[in-house]
Amino acid sequence: MIRSICCCLLAIFCAGAAWCFADNSVSSIGPAKGSLVIAGGGALGAPVMNRFIELAGGAKASLVIIPSASENPQVNSRDPVFAAFKKLGAKVTVLHTTDRTEADKEDFAQPLKEATAVWLGGGRQWRLADVYLGTRVMPELFAVLDRGGVIGGSSAGATIQGSYLVRGAVEGNTVMMAPGHEQGFGFLKDSAIDQHWAKRQRERDMVPVIERHPNLLGIGLDEATAIVVHGNEFEVIGASVVGIYDARSTAWKSAQPWLVLRAGQRFDLKGRVVLEKASP
C-alpha cells in the first residue's frame, strides 16, 4: 500500500513538473500528426485566420471554442473565429466551465471527441490551467491532435500551449514565473510562450525565464502573428515578428539575446536552428 501511494505521488510530481526537464529522447517537440496555430494576440489578420480555417477542414470542420481564459467568456457573432466558421457553415460548439468537477465529466468533454479543431480564446492563462489541467478535457485535446486535427489559440490561448506557463500569476500578468501556476498544456514541449511581444515591449521579459530554465525554448509572439507547428518544425505567418530565446544559441550572450523571425521563415525545434526554406 505504501509503495503504491509513493508511486502515485511520484507520477503526479513528474507530470506536474514536466516542463522542468528537456527530454532529448522525444521524437517530436510539436504534435507528430496534427498542427498548432499559436498566435500573439490582437487582430488575427487574414494569414492567421485562413491557415487555421484550412487546417481545421473549412466548411467540413467541427470546431470547439474554449473561451474559459476570459473573465467574460461570451462567444457570439462578434467573435472573429466563431463568425468565420459559422459563415462557412461549419459546426461550432462552445465549451466552457469554471468547475473542475464539471470539466472532468465525460459528457462535458464529449464535443472534443468529434472535433477536427479547437480554438483557445484570450484572457488570463491561469484560468485555463486551473479548470482543465488533470481533467478529462486534456486527453481529449491531445486526441484531437493525434487524429490530425488542429489546436489554435491567441494571447492566453497561445501561452497555455507551451509546457512552461509564463505570466500565470493570478495577481497580475506582469509576473513571468509564478509558483503554482507554471505548468501549461504542453502541446509544444520544452517551451515557454509569450504574446503581445513587440507591441507591449516585452522583449526582455523572457530572459530571466530562460536563465532559470535554460532547457526551454522561449518564444515571443507579436500581435497579428503566429507560428504554425507540426512535428519538429514551425513556420511564421502574419504581419509582424517572432522572438526566439535559446540559451544554447550564439545570440544568447549578446546584447540582444533573442533571434527575430519574420513571415515565411521556418524553425527547426529539435536542432533549434532557423531554416531559410521549407523542408522538402
Protein backbone atom coordinates (compact mmCIF):
# COMPACT_ATOMS: atom_id res chain seq x y z
CA MET A 1 0.00 0.00 0.00
CA ILE A 2 2.74 2.45 0.97
CA ARG A 3 4.65 1.61 -2.20
CA SER A 4 1.53 2.23 -4.31
CA ILE A 5 0.94 5.60 -2.69
CA CYS A 6 4.57 6.58 -3.25
CA CYS A 7 4.37 5.58 -6.89
CA CYS A 8 1.22 7.63 -7.36
CA LEU A 9 2.78 10.68 -5.74
CA LEU A 10 5.87 10.32 -7.89
CA ALA A 11 3.76 10.09 -11.03
CA ILE A 12 1.83 13.22 -10.07
CA PHE A 13 5.07 15.09 -9.34
CA CYS A 14 6.64 14.08 -12.65
CA ALA A 15 3.54 15.08 -14.60
CA GLY A 16 3.32 18.42 -12.85
CA ALA A 17 7.00 19.18 -13.37
CA ALA A 18 7.21 18.00 -16.97
CA TRP A 19 8.31 21.45 -18.11
CA CYS A 20 11.41 21.33 -15.89
CA PHE A 21 13.41 18.79 -17.85
CA ALA A 22 14.19 18.60 -21.54
CA ASP A 23 13.68 15.06 -22.84
CA ASN A 24 16.06 14.56 -25.74
CA SER A 25 14.55 11.14 -26.43
CA VAL A 26 11.18 12.56 -27.56
CA SER A 27 10.64 12.11 -31.28
CA SER A 28 8.61 15.26 -31.75
CA ILE A 29 8.58 18.61 -29.96
CA GLY A 30 5.27 19.61 -31.53
CA PRO A 31 2.38 17.31 -32.48
CA ALA A 32 3.51 14.42 -34.67
CA LYS A 33 0.21 14.23 -36.59
CA GLY A 34 -1.82 17.38 -36.03
CA SER A 35 -0.88 21.05 -36.01
CA LEU A 36 -0.80 24.05 -33.69
CA VAL A 37 -1.60 27.62 -34.66
CA ILE A 38 -0.20 29.79 -31.86
CA ALA A 39 -0.97 33.50 -32.24
CA GLY A 40 0.31 36.52 -30.34
CA GLY A 41 -2.96 38.37 -29.75
CA GLY A 42 -4.60 41.43 -31.24
CA ALA A 43 -6.47 41.24 -34.54
CA LEU A 44 -5.56 37.88 -36.04
CA GLY A 45 -5.42 39.00 -39.68
CA ALA A 46 -6.16 37.02 -42.83
CA PRO A 47 -2.94 34.94 -42.93
CA VAL A 48 -3.55 33.53 -39.45
CA MET A 49 -7.31 33.03 -39.81
CA ASN A 50 -7.05 31.47 -43.26
CA ARG A 51 -4.38 28.98 -42.19
CA PHE A 52 -6.39 27.92 -39.13
CA ILE A 53 -9.54 27.51 -41.23
CA GLU A 54 -7.63 25.44 -43.79
CA LEU A 55 -6.12 23.13 -41.16
CA ALA A 56 -9.49 22.80 -39.41
CA GLY A 57 -11.18 21.50 -42.55
CA GLY A 58 -13.02 24.58 -43.79
CA ALA A 59 -16.76 24.08 -44.17
CA LYS A 60 -16.37 20.47 -43.05
CA ALA A 61 -14.76 21.47 -39.76
CA SER A 62 -16.10 20.52 -36.37
CA LEU A 63 -14.78 23.35 -34.21
CA VAL A 64 -14.79 23.59 -30.43
CA ILE A 65 -14.16 27.07 -28.99
CA ILE A 66 -12.94 27.21 -25.38
CA PRO A 67 -13.29 30.79 -24.05
CA SER A 68 -12.53 29.93 -20.41
CA ALA A 69 -9.47 32.21 -20.16
CA SER A 70 -11.75 35.24 -20.36
CA GLU A 71 -13.36 36.95 -17.39
CA ASN A 72 -16.48 37.29 -19.55
CA PRO A 73 -16.46 34.17 -21.74
CA GLN A 74 -19.23 35.18 -24.12
CA VAL A 75 -18.89 33.78 -27.64
CA ASN A 76 -21.20 35.23 -30.29
CA SER A 77 -21.24 36.59 -33.83
CA ARG A 78 -18.77 39.35 -32.88
CA ASP A 79 -16.10 36.76 -32.14
CA PRO A 80 -13.99 36.55 -35.36
CA VAL A 81 -13.30 32.82 -35.09
CA PHE A 82 -16.92 31.96 -34.34
CA ALA A 83 -18.17 34.24 -37.12
CA ALA A 84 -15.73 32.89 -39.72
CA PHE A 85 -16.68 29.25 -39.18
CA LYS A 86 -20.41 29.98 -38.95
CA LYS A 87 -20.18 31.83 -42.27
CA LEU A 88 -18.64 28.72 -43.79
CA GLY A 89 -21.45 26.58 -42.42
CA ALA A 90 -19.12 24.56 -40.21
CA LYS A 91 -20.21 23.02 -36.92
CA VAL A 92 -19.21 25.20 -33.94
CA THR A 93 -19.54 24.21 -30.27
CA VAL A 94 -18.65 26.41 -27.30
CA LEU A 95 -17.17 24.52 -24.35
CA HIS A 96 -16.83 26.39 -21.06
CA THR A 97 -16.85 25.84 -17.34
CA THR A 98 -15.17 27.22 -14.24
CA ASP A 99 -15.76 23.98 -12.32
CA ARG A 100 -13.05 21.31 -12.40
CA THR A 101 -15.58 18.66 -11.40
CA GLU A 102 -17.67 19.54 -14.44
CA ALA A 103 -14.59 19.56 -16.68
CA ASP A 104 -13.80 16.03 -15.55
CA LYS A 105 -17.14 14.63 -16.67
CA GLU A 106 -17.27 12.51 -19.81
CA ASP A 107 -20.37 14.30 -21.08
CA PHE A 108 -18.65 17.67 -20.81
CA ALA A 109 -15.64 16.52 -22.84
CA GLN A 110 -17.79 14.72 -25.42
CA PRO A 111 -17.72 17.50 -28.07
CA LEU A 112 -13.93 17.18 -28.25
CA LYS A 113 -14.24 13.55 -29.36
CA GLU A 114 -15.68 14.69 -32.69
CA ALA A 115 -13.66 17.88 -33.13
CA THR A 116 -11.31 18.49 -36.03
CA ALA A 117 -10.24 21.81 -34.49
CA VAL A 118 -10.11 23.59 -31.14
CA TRP A 119 -9.68 27.33 -30.53
CA LEU A 120 -8.47 28.61 -27.14
CA GLY A 121 -9.51 32.21 -26.57
CA GLY A 122 -7.70 35.08 -24.88
CA GLY A 123 -7.85 36.36 -21.31
CA ARG A 124 -5.74 35.03 -18.46
CA GLN A 125 -4.00 31.71 -18.97
CA TRP A 126 -4.19 30.66 -15.31
CA ARG A 127 -7.96 30.24 -15.69
CA LEU A 128 -7.42 27.59 -18.37
CA ALA A 129 -4.80 25.81 -16.27
CA ASP A 130 -6.87 25.85 -13.09
CA VAL A 131 -10.02 24.40 -14.60
CA TYR A 132 -8.70 21.92 -17.20
CA LEU A 133 -5.31 20.50 -16.19
CA GLY A 134 -5.73 16.98 -14.85
CA THR A 135 -9.30 16.58 -16.15
CA ARG A 136 -10.85 14.53 -18.97
CA VAL A 137 -10.51 17.55 -21.22
CA MET A 138 -6.74 17.17 -21.51
CA PRO A 139 -6.52 13.68 -23.09
CA GLU A 140 -9.31 14.67 -25.47
CA LEU A 141 -7.36 17.75 -26.58
CA PHE A 142 -4.32 15.61 -27.29
CA ALA A 143 -6.59 13.16 -29.13
CA VAL A 144 -7.65 15.96 -31.49
CA LEU A 145 -4.00 16.35 -32.47
CA ASP A 146 -3.48 12.58 -32.70
CA ARG A 147 -6.34 12.43 -35.23
CA GLY A 148 -4.55 15.02 -37.36
CA GLY A 149 -6.61 17.97 -36.16
CA VAL A 150 -5.50 21.46 -35.22
CA ILE A 151 -5.44 23.38 -31.95
CA GLY A 152 -5.17 27.14 -32.18
CA GLY A 153 -5.22 29.98 -29.74
CA SER A 154 -4.33 33.63 -29.30
CA SER A 155 -2.90 35.60 -26.37
CA ALA A 156 -3.68 33.48 -23.27
CA GLY A 157 -4.74 30.74 -25.67
CA ALA A 158 -1.22 30.84 -27.11
CA THR A 159 0.75 30.86 -23.86
CA ILE A 160 -1.18 27.90 -22.42
CA GLN A 161 0.02 25.72 -25.31
CA GLY A 162 3.61 25.73 -24.05
CA SER A 163 4.92 23.35 -21.41
CA TYR A 164 6.04 26.14 -19.06
CA LEU A 165 3.41 28.77 -18.26
CA VAL A 166 4.63 32.36 -18.19
CA ARG A 167 2.52 35.25 -16.84
CA GLY A 168 0.46 32.70 -14.90
CA ALA A 169 0.11 34.66 -11.67
CA VAL A 170 -3.46 35.23 -10.51
CA GLU A 171 -2.31 38.58 -9.08
CA GLY A 172 -1.35 40.05 -12.43
CA ASN A 173 0.14 39.38 -15.86
CA THR A 174 3.45 41.13 -15.21
CA VAL A 175 4.77 38.17 -13.17
CA MET A 176 6.65 35.84 -15.53
CA MET A 177 7.28 32.96 -13.10
CA ALA A 178 4.50 32.24 -10.61
CA PRO A 179 4.94 29.22 -8.29
CA GLY A 180 1.80 27.11 -8.51
CA HIS A 181 1.00 28.41 -11.98
CA GLU A 182 3.98 27.31 -14.08
CA GLN A 183 2.51 24.34 -15.97
CA GLY A 184 0.96 24.79 -19.39
CA PHE A 185 -0.92 22.28 -21.53
CA GLY A 186 2.34 21.13 -23.15
CA PHE A 187 1.22 20.76 -26.75
CA LEU A 188 4.61 22.27 -27.61
CA LYS A 189 7.19 20.54 -25.43
CA ASP A 190 10.14 22.24 -23.71
CA SER A 191 8.78 25.70 -24.44
CA ALA A 192 7.64 28.95 -22.84
CA ILE A 193 5.40 31.15 -24.99
CA ASP A 194 4.77 34.88 -24.55
CA GLN A 195 2.35 37.12 -26.51
CA HIS A 196 1.80 40.79 -27.46
CA TRP A 197 5.59 40.66 -27.67
CA ALA A 198 6.79 43.76 -29.55
CA LYS A 199 3.51 45.67 -29.27
CA ARG A 200 3.80 45.78 -25.45
CA GLN A 201 7.61 45.96 -25.45
CA ARG A 202 8.01 42.60 -23.73
CA GLU A 203 11.25 41.63 -25.48
CA ARG A 204 13.35 41.33 -22.31
CA ASP A 205 10.70 39.70 -20.14
CA MET A 206 11.56 36.17 -21.27
CA VAL A 207 15.28 36.49 -20.44
CA PRO A 208 15.05 35.62 -16.70
CA VAL A 209 12.80 32.66 -17.52
CA ILE A 210 15.39 31.12 -19.84
CA GLU A 211 18.18 31.96 -17.39
CA ARG A 212 16.40 29.90 -14.75
CA HIS A 213 15.23 27.15 -17.15
CA PRO A 214 17.90 27.02 -19.90
CA ASN A 215 16.44 23.85 -21.41
CA LEU A 216 13.34 25.75 -22.50
CA LEU A 217 12.90 27.43 -25.87
CA GLY A 218 11.42 30.88 -25.32
CA ILE A 219 9.03 32.13 -27.99
CA GLY A 220 7.72 35.70 -28.11
CA LEU A 221 4.79 36.22 -30.49
CA ASP A 222 3.81 39.69 -31.60
CA GLU A 223 0.22 40.65 -32.37
CA ALA A 224 -1.37 39.54 -35.67
CA THR A 225 1.44 36.96 -35.95
CA ALA A 226 1.52 33.22 -35.35
CA ILE A 227 3.63 30.13 -35.62
CA VAL A 228 2.19 27.04 -37.28
CA VAL A 229 3.72 23.97 -35.64
CA HIS A 230 3.89 20.42 -36.95
CA GLY A 231 6.34 17.86 -35.66
CA ASN A 232 9.76 19.38 -35.13
CA GLU A 233 9.22 22.49 -37.24
CA PHE A 234 7.25 25.70 -37.25
CA GLU A 235 6.56 28.41 -39.82
CA VAL A 236 5.99 32.08 -39.03
CA ILE A 237 2.89 33.66 -40.57
CA GLY A 238 1.26 37.07 -40.15
CA ALA A 239 2.07 40.75 -40.12
CA SER A 240 4.82 41.15 -37.51
CA VAL A 241 7.65 39.16 -35.88
CA VAL A 242 8.53 36.31 -33.53
CA GLY A 243 11.36 36.34 -30.99
CA ILE A 244 13.32 33.17 -30.19
CA TYR A 245 15.26 32.69 -26.92
CA ASP A 246 17.70 29.79 -26.74
CA ALA A 247 20.38 29.52 -24.05
CA ARG A 248 22.44 27.37 -26.43
CA SER A 249 22.48 29.92 -29.25
CA THR A 250 25.27 32.33 -30.11
CA ALA A 251 22.82 35.21 -29.67
CA TRP A 252 22.16 34.35 -26.03
CA LYS A 253 25.29 36.06 -24.68
CA SER A 254 24.88 39.14 -26.88
CA ALA A 255 23.32 42.50 -26.10
CA GLN A 256 20.13 41.26 -27.76
CA PRO A 257 19.73 37.66 -26.54
CA TRP A 258 16.99 36.67 -28.98
CA LEU A 259 16.59 35.99 -32.67
CA VAL A 260 13.89 37.68 -34.73
CA LEU A 261 11.94 35.68 -37.29
CA ARG A 262 9.51 37.01 -39.88
CA ALA A 263 6.70 35.62 -42.01
CA GLY A 264 7.82 32.78 -44.25
CA GLN A 265 10.76 31.72 -42.11
CA ARG A 266 10.82 28.27 -40.57
CA PHE A 267 12.48 26.98 -37.43
CA ASP A 268 13.77 23.52 -36.51
CA LEU A 269 12.55 22.84 -32.97
CA LYS A 270 14.76 19.81 -32.47
CA GLY A 271 18.02 21.31 -33.75
CA ARG A 272 16.99 24.84 -32.76
CA VAL A 273 18.16 26.39 -35.99
CA VAL A 274 16.50 28.72 -38.48
CA LEU A 275 15.51 27.07 -41.75
CA GLU A 276 15.59 29.54 -44.60
CA LYS A 277 13.48 27.30 -46.78
CA ALA A 278 10.71 24.79 -46.10
CA SER A 279 11.72 21.19 -45.64
CA PRO A 280 11.25 19.09 -48.80
